[in-house]
Amino acid sequence: KKVENFFASQFAGDPTKYKVVVDPVHPEHNEIDASLLLNPLGIKNDRFELSATTDNRPFFNFTRRTFAPVTDDDARWLSRGGVQFLKDSSKGFVPLDIIHLALTAVVTILVAIIFLFLPSFLLPASERPNLVSSAPAILYFACLGSGFMILQNALTQKVILILGSPAIALTTTLTSMLVCAGVGSFLSSRLTDFFRSNVFLLFLFLALLAPGTWAALDYLIELSANWQKWIAVLSVAACIAPLCIVLGMPFPIAMARIGNEKRLVAWCWSINGVFSVVGGLFCTLAGAFWGLQFTVSSAALLYLIAGCLYLQLGQIPKRISEEVSLDSHFITGKLRAPRV
């Protein structure tokens, strides 16, 4: 009775009303079938998200696992209000409870198509970038844009658990990432000869540092429970600084490797910006369905792919110069073999 009274109480600043769903003392009062509670596999495979909300998936109201229509029989797991909400939100092709994410995805794709491909069709043929020969660079900068934004969003969610305030967490994470990435960009021009000839090790180190930083923040959550706010802010900044410094290096070293190909440089900047938006959207969707730790692993994989693509960037200026030379021969009517 005391437990019921506790959950029935009104808490300051929290308009939510709570009620006991599982009563281990009086299981006959449970709103959830006891057989389900003793079957972890059933919880994992059920069409609804019945497991407890965790820091890895901090989405309390996201109970949907499929887009299939909801029936009254599903009330055995959900409250009547929850079933009615899901039924009302499933009248269209896309459930209304996640339609904002669907609309964001559609708008992102449309904007990417319009602002990336439409301008190229307005240019003369001689000034259009060759997508085939430039594919490694385009994919490289797409991986960088997506990976950076995925890590930024995921780290912000984790830092909220340490600092409490979402505004302070976002400010701390964003400031630390931008400042440290700028430092990394500055240091990239001073890489030692060893790293210049083994740049893939830099991407490998980054891919390992991302989950390592995530684990360090997990430890910092417990360690900083009684710290003053300014100490926690500085600790978070120091914790993510090594990762952010390394994150600032892949972009400038690739730009230096490409050379002075203006057409390709402009495309790479655009691709990086567009896929930064795509990365933020992916982090939200993947975090809701599979957890934030999955998004961090995805970002690490993207940087490993970028490391493999980096090895191909040195050949791009040579290919483009040969294509330009070949185009000029066609224009002048004198087709000659390009110099090697």
Protein backbone atom coordinates (compact mmCIF):
# COMPACT_ATOMS: atom_id res chain seq x y z
CA LYS A 1 0.00 0.00 0.00
CA LYS A 2 2.86 2.35 0.77
CA VAL A 3 4.33 1.72 -2.68
CA GLU A 4 0.99 2.50 -4.33
CA ASN A 5 0.67 5.70 -2.30
CA PHE A 6 4.20 6.73 -3.25
CA PHE A 7 3.55 6.39 -6.98
CA ALA A 8 0.14 8.04 -6.65
CA SER A 9 1.75 11.14 -5.11
CA GLN A 10 2.26 14.36 -7.06
CA PHE A 11 5.89 15.42 -7.44
CA ALA A 12 6.92 19.07 -7.79
CA GLY A 13 7.55 19.98 -11.40
CA ASP A 14 6.38 16.59 -12.68
CA PRO A 15 2.75 16.45 -13.88
CA THR A 16 3.05 12.75 -14.70
CA LYS A 17 0.87 10.35 -12.73
CA TYR A 18 2.43 6.99 -11.94
CA LYS A 19 0.87 3.68 -11.05
CA VAL A 20 2.18 0.26 -10.09
CA VAL A 21 2.21 -2.06 -13.10
CA VAL A 22 4.18 -4.94 -11.56
CA ASP A 23 3.56 -5.89 -7.93
CA PRO A 24 5.90 -8.73 -6.88
CA VAL A 25 4.10 -9.06 -3.52
CA HIS A 26 0.63 -9.36 -5.06
CA PRO A 27 1.19 -10.72 -8.58
CA GLU A 28 -2.55 -11.13 -9.07
CA HIS A 29 -2.70 -7.31 -9.37
CA ASN A 30 -0.11 -7.14 -12.14
CA GLU A 31 -1.17 -5.40 -15.33
CA ILE A 32 1.41 -7.49 -17.21
CA ASP A 33 1.13 -11.25 -17.47
CA ALA A 34 3.52 -12.89 -15.01
CA SER A 35 4.53 -15.43 -17.66
CA LEU A 36 6.04 -12.60 -19.68
CA LEU A 37 8.09 -11.38 -16.73
CA LEU A 38 9.67 -14.82 -16.42
CA ASN A 39 10.45 -15.02 -20.14
CA PRO A 40 13.27 -12.63 -21.13
CA LEU A 41 13.27 -14.03 -24.68
CA GLY A 42 9.60 -13.11 -25.00
CA ILE A 43 10.36 -9.54 -23.95
CA LYS A 44 13.16 -9.35 -26.49
CA ASN A 45 11.09 -10.71 -29.38
CA ASP A 46 7.77 -9.02 -28.63
CA ARG A 47 6.42 -6.55 -31.19
CA PHE A 48 6.52 -3.82 -28.52
CA GLU A 49 9.47 -2.48 -26.56
CA LEU A 50 8.85 -3.96 -23.11
CA SER A 51 12.35 -3.85 -21.69
CA ALA A 52 13.36 -1.18 -19.20
CA THR A 53 14.53 2.18 -20.53
CA THR A 54 18.30 2.55 -20.22
CA ASP A 55 20.88 5.28 -20.77
CA ASN A 56 21.72 3.59 -24.06
CA ARG A 57 18.13 4.06 -25.28
CA PRO A 58 16.75 6.99 -23.23
CA PHE A 59 13.41 7.15 -25.04
CA PHE A 60 10.66 6.48 -22.50
CA ASN A 61 7.69 6.91 -24.82
CA PHE A 62 9.07 4.94 -27.77
CA THR A 63 7.35 1.55 -27.47
CA ARG A 64 7.00 0.73 -31.17
CA ARG A 65 9.19 -1.93 -32.81
CA THR A 66 7.18 -2.39 -36.01
CA PHE A 67 4.84 -0.28 -38.10
CA ALA A 68 2.08 -2.93 -38.08
CA PRO A 69 -1.41 -1.84 -36.98
CA VAL A 70 -2.23 -2.14 -33.28
CA THR A 71 -5.26 -4.13 -32.11
CA ASP A 72 -7.21 -4.30 -28.87
CA ASP A 73 -5.52 -7.62 -28.07
CA ASP A 74 -2.30 -5.72 -27.51
CA ALA A 75 -3.80 -4.21 -24.35
CA ARG A 76 -2.47 -7.18 -22.40
CA TRP A 77 0.98 -5.53 -22.56
CA LEU A 78 0.05 -1.85 -22.86
CA SER A 79 -2.42 0.35 -21.07
CA ARG A 80 -5.69 1.14 -22.82
CA GLY A 81 -4.52 4.69 -23.35
CA GLY A 82 -1.27 3.49 -24.91
CA VAL A 83 -3.09 1.14 -27.27
CA GLN A 84 -5.50 3.88 -28.32
CA PHE A 85 -2.62 6.27 -28.94
CA LEU A 86 -0.83 3.79 -31.19
CA LYS A 87 -4.08 2.95 -33.00
CA ASP A 88 -4.80 6.62 -33.67
CA SER A 89 -1.27 7.19 -34.91
CA SER A 90 -1.34 4.33 -37.42
CA LYS A 91 -4.01 5.56 -39.80
CA GLY A 92 -1.58 6.43 -42.57
CA PHE A 93 1.33 4.74 -44.31
CA VAL A 94 3.77 6.27 -41.82
CA PRO A 95 2.78 6.19 -38.13
CA LEU A 96 2.06 9.71 -36.88
CA ASP A 97 4.18 9.26 -33.75
CA ILE A 98 7.34 9.17 -35.90
CA ILE A 99 6.11 11.17 -38.88
CA HIS A 100 8.39 14.08 -37.93
CA LEU A 101 11.40 11.81 -38.45
CA ALA A 102 10.01 10.57 -41.77
CA LEU A 103 9.38 14.12 -42.98
CA THR A 104 12.88 15.15 -41.91
CA ALA A 105 14.34 12.25 -43.90
CA VAL A 106 12.31 13.15 -47.02
CA VAL A 107 13.23 16.85 -46.81
CA THR A 108 16.90 15.98 -46.30
CA ILE A 109 16.98 13.77 -49.38
CA LEU A 110 15.17 16.35 -51.53
CA VAL A 111 17.45 19.17 -50.42
CA ALA A 112 20.51 17.00 -51.08
CA ILE A 113 19.32 16.19 -54.61
CA ILE A 114 18.39 19.79 -55.43
CA PHE A 115 21.46 21.54 -54.07
CA LEU A 116 24.01 18.93 -55.08
CA PHE A 117 22.95 17.77 -58.53
CA LEU A 118 20.85 20.60 -59.98
CA PRO A 119 23.68 23.19 -60.05
CA SER A 120 25.95 20.74 -61.87
CA PHE A 121 23.44 20.44 -64.72
CA LEU A 122 23.49 24.21 -65.14
CA LEU A 123 27.25 24.24 -65.66
CA PRO A 124 28.95 23.69 -69.01
CA ALA A 125 29.97 20.10 -69.63
CA SER A 126 33.66 21.00 -69.37
CA GLU A 127 33.17 22.34 -65.82
CA ARG A 128 31.15 19.47 -64.40
CA PRO A 129 32.97 17.09 -62.04
CA ASN A 130 33.26 13.50 -63.19
CA LEU A 131 31.43 11.51 -60.53
CA VAL A 132 33.10 8.23 -61.49
CA SER A 133 36.70 9.37 -61.13
CA SER A 134 35.81 11.53 -58.11
CA ALA A 135 33.82 8.80 -56.31
CA PRO A 136 36.50 8.02 -53.67
CA ALA A 137 36.70 11.68 -52.63
CA ILE A 138 32.92 12.11 -52.57
CA LEU A 139 32.42 8.99 -50.46
CA TYR A 140 35.32 9.99 -48.22
CA PHE A 141 33.85 13.37 -47.31
CA ALA A 142 30.39 11.82 -46.95
CA CYS A 143 31.82 9.47 -44.31
CA LEU A 144 33.50 12.37 -42.51
CA GLY A 145 30.34 14.48 -42.42
CA SER A 146 28.13 11.65 -41.21
CA GLY A 147 30.63 10.28 -38.70
CA PHE A 148 31.34 13.65 -37.10
CA MET A 149 27.67 14.53 -36.62
CA ILE A 150 26.79 11.05 -35.31
CA LEU A 151 29.48 11.34 -32.66
CA GLN A 152 28.42 14.87 -31.77
CA ASN A 153 24.79 13.91 -31.19
CA ALA A 154 25.63 10.70 -29.32
CA LEU A 155 28.19 12.40 -27.06
CA THR A 156 25.72 15.17 -26.27
CA GLN A 157 23.17 12.59 -25.07
CA LYS A 158 25.81 10.97 -22.87
CA VAL A 159 27.06 14.28 -21.43
CA ILE A 160 23.48 15.17 -20.40
CA LEU A 161 23.69 12.31 -17.88
CA ILE A 162 26.79 13.91 -16.35
CA LEU A 163 25.85 17.60 -16.36
CA GLY A 164 22.09 17.25 -15.95
CA SER A 165 21.09 20.26 -18.02
CA PRO A 166 20.63 19.61 -21.78
CA ALA A 167 21.59 23.22 -22.56
CA ILE A 168 24.87 23.03 -20.61
CA ALA A 169 25.61 19.58 -22.07
CA LEU A 170 25.08 20.80 -25.64
CA THR A 171 27.17 23.92 -25.05
CA THR A 172 30.00 21.95 -23.47
CA THR A 173 30.05 19.23 -26.12
CA LEU A 174 29.70 21.55 -29.10
CA THR A 175 32.32 24.03 -27.86
CA SER A 176 34.79 21.29 -26.98
CA MET A 177 34.36 19.52 -30.31
CA LEU A 178 34.71 22.66 -32.44
CA VAL A 179 37.68 24.08 -30.53
CA CYS A 180 39.53 20.76 -30.33
CA ALA A 181 38.75 19.91 -33.96
CA GLY A 182 40.26 23.27 -34.91
CA VAL A 183 43.37 22.37 -32.93
CA GLY A 184 43.52 19.03 -34.70
CA SER A 185 43.19 20.73 -38.08
CA PHE A 186 46.09 23.02 -37.17
CA LEU A 187 48.23 20.09 -36.01
CA SER A 188 47.46 18.05 -39.15
CA SER A 189 49.90 20.13 -41.17
CA ARG A 190 52.61 19.19 -38.68
CA LEU A 191 52.16 15.43 -38.75
CA THR A 192 55.37 13.49 -38.47
CA ASP A 193 56.78 11.66 -41.48
CA PHE A 194 55.65 8.39 -39.91
CA PHE A 195 51.98 9.42 -39.89
CA ARG A 196 52.26 10.96 -43.35
CA SER A 197 53.23 7.59 -44.77
CA ASN A 198 50.85 5.63 -42.51
CA VAL A 199 47.75 7.83 -42.42
CA PHE A 200 45.46 4.79 -42.12
CA LEU A 201 46.82 4.33 -38.58
CA LEU A 202 45.30 7.71 -37.77
CA PHE A 203 41.85 6.49 -38.84
CA LEU A 204 42.34 3.23 -36.97
CA PHE A 205 43.29 5.15 -33.84
CA LEU A 206 40.19 7.33 -34.26
CA ALA A 207 37.93 4.29 -34.68
CA LEU A 208 39.28 2.84 -31.42
CA LEU A 209 39.21 6.17 -29.59
CA ALA A 210 35.48 6.73 -30.24
CA PRO A 211 34.19 3.74 -28.20
CA GLY A 212 36.99 4.33 -25.70
CA THR A 213 35.74 7.87 -25.06
CA TRP A 214 32.19 6.52 -24.74
CA ALA A 215 33.34 4.08 -22.05
CA ALA A 216 35.27 6.84 -20.26
CA LEU A 217 32.13 8.99 -20.12
CA ASP A 218 30.27 6.02 -18.61
CA TYR A 219 32.84 5.91 -15.83
CA LEU A 220 32.64 9.69 -15.41
CA ILE A 221 28.88 9.49 -14.75
CA GLU A 222 29.46 7.66 -11.48
CA LEU A 223 32.65 9.50 -10.60
CA SER A 224 31.19 13.01 -10.95
CA ALA A 225 27.97 12.46 -8.98
CA ASN A 226 28.99 14.84 -6.15
CA TRP A 227 31.20 17.22 -8.11
CA GLN A 228 30.51 20.90 -8.57
CA LYS A 229 29.13 21.85 -11.96
CA TRP A 230 32.22 23.66 -13.24
CA ILE A 231 34.46 20.73 -12.32
CA ALA A 232 32.15 18.33 -14.17
CA VAL A 233 32.15 20.62 -17.23
CA LEU A 234 35.96 20.76 -17.33
CA SER A 235 36.18 17.01 -16.80
CA VAL A 236 33.85 16.34 -19.72
CA ALA A 237 35.82 18.70 -21.96
CA ALA A 238 39.10 17.00 -20.99
CA CYS A 239 37.58 13.54 -21.53
CA ILE A 240 36.40 14.16 -25.09
CA ALA A 241 39.30 16.44 -26.11
CA PRO A 242 41.65 13.70 -27.47
CA LEU A 243 38.90 12.29 -29.68
CA CYS A 244 37.89 15.74 -30.94
CA ILE A 245 41.48 16.70 -31.77
CA VAL A 246 41.83 13.60 -33.94
CA LEU A 247 38.43 14.29 -35.53
CA GLY A 248 39.77 17.58 -36.85
CA MET A 249 42.58 15.97 -38.85
CA PRO A 250 40.96 13.88 -41.64
CA PHE A 251 39.32 16.84 -43.43
CA PRO A 252 42.39 19.08 -44.00
CA ILE A 253 44.78 16.25 -44.84
CA ALA A 254 42.36 15.07 -47.54
CA MET A 255 41.99 18.57 -48.96
CA ALA A 256 45.77 18.85 -49.15
CA ARG A 257 45.97 15.48 -50.90
CA ILE A 258 43.36 16.35 -53.53
CA GLY A 259 45.25 19.42 -54.68
CA ASN A 260 43.90 22.53 -56.36
CA GLU A 261 41.06 20.95 -58.31
CA LYS A 262 38.45 23.65 -57.72
CA ARG A 263 35.54 21.63 -59.09
CA LEU A 264 36.23 18.70 -56.82
CA VAL A 265 36.98 20.84 -53.74
CA ALA A 266 33.60 22.57 -54.02
CA TRP A 267 31.82 19.23 -54.37
CA CYS A 268 33.62 17.78 -51.35
CA TRP A 269 32.63 20.73 -49.17
CA SER A 270 29.01 20.34 -50.27
CA ILE A 271 28.95 16.58 -49.74
CA ASN A 272 30.43 16.99 -46.27
CA GLY A 273 27.77 19.53 -45.29
CA VAL A 274 24.83 17.53 -46.66
CA PHE A 275 25.90 14.30 -44.99
CA SER A 276 26.33 16.10 -41.70
CA VAL A 277 22.55 16.53 -41.76
CA VAL A 278 22.12 12.89 -42.81
CA GLY A 279 24.35 11.79 -39.93
CA GLY A 280 22.26 13.66 -37.39
CA LEU A 281 19.09 12.06 -38.72
CA PHE A 282 20.68 8.60 -38.69
CA CYS A 283 21.80 9.06 -35.07
CA THR A 284 18.24 9.87 -34.00
CA LEU A 285 16.65 6.93 -35.82
CA ALA A 286 19.34 4.37 -34.99
CA GLY A 287 19.50 5.53 -31.37
CA ALA A 288 15.75 5.01 -30.95
CA PHE A 289 15.73 1.52 -32.47
CA TRP A 290 19.16 0.10 -31.59
CA GLY A 291 20.71 2.40 -29.00
CA LEU A 292 23.30 5.16 -28.87
CA GLN A 293 26.20 2.73 -28.47
CA PHE A 294 25.29 1.31 -31.88
CA THR A 295 25.52 4.80 -33.40
CA VAL A 296 29.00 5.31 -31.94
CA SER A 297 30.13 1.99 -33.42
CA SER A 298 28.62 3.05 -36.77
CA ALA A 299 30.61 6.31 -36.67
CA ALA A 300 33.81 4.36 -35.95
CA LEU A 301 33.08 2.12 -38.94
CA LEU A 302 32.54 5.16 -41.17
CA TYR A 303 35.96 6.51 -40.23
CA LEU A 304 37.56 3.15 -41.00
CA ILE A 305 35.92 3.25 -44.44
CA ALA A 306 37.20 6.80 -44.87
CA GLY A 307 40.70 5.58 -44.05
CA CYS A 308 40.48 3.02 -46.86
CA LEU A 309 39.17 5.66 -49.28
CA TYR A 310 41.96 8.07 -48.34
CA LEU A 311 44.48 5.82 -50.05
CA GLN A 312 42.70 6.50 -53.37
CA LEU A 313 42.65 10.29 -53.10
CA GLY A 314 46.17 10.80 -54.41
CA GLN A 315 45.20 9.43 -57.83
CA ILE A 316 42.23 11.77 -58.31
CA PRO A 317 44.08 14.94 -59.49
CA LYS A 318 45.94 12.87 -62.10
CA ARG A 319 42.68 11.36 -63.41
CA ILE A 320 40.99 14.75 -63.58
CA SER A 321 43.91 16.34 -65.43
CA GLU A 322 43.81 13.52 -67.97
CA GLU A 323 40.05 13.98 -68.42
CA VAL A 324 40.47 17.74 -68.93
CA SER A 325 43.26 17.12 -71.44
CA LEU A 326 41.10 14.60 -73.29
CA ASP A 327 38.15 17.01 -73.36
CA SER A 328 40.35 19.76 -74.78
CA HIS A 329 41.52 17.43 -77.55
CA PHE A 330 37.92 16.67 -78.48
CA ILE A 331 37.03 20.36 -78.47
CA THR A 332 39.95 21.32 -80.73
CA GLY A 333 39.38 18.31 -82.96
CA LYS A 334 42.86 16.95 -82.29
CA LEU A 335 42.54 13.73 -80.40
CA ARG A 336 45.89 12.72 -78.97
CA ALA A 337 46.91 10.33 -76.27
CA PRO A 338 47.34 12.13 -72.94
CA ARG A 339 50.79 12.26 -71.44
CA VAL A 340 51.53 9.82 -68.66
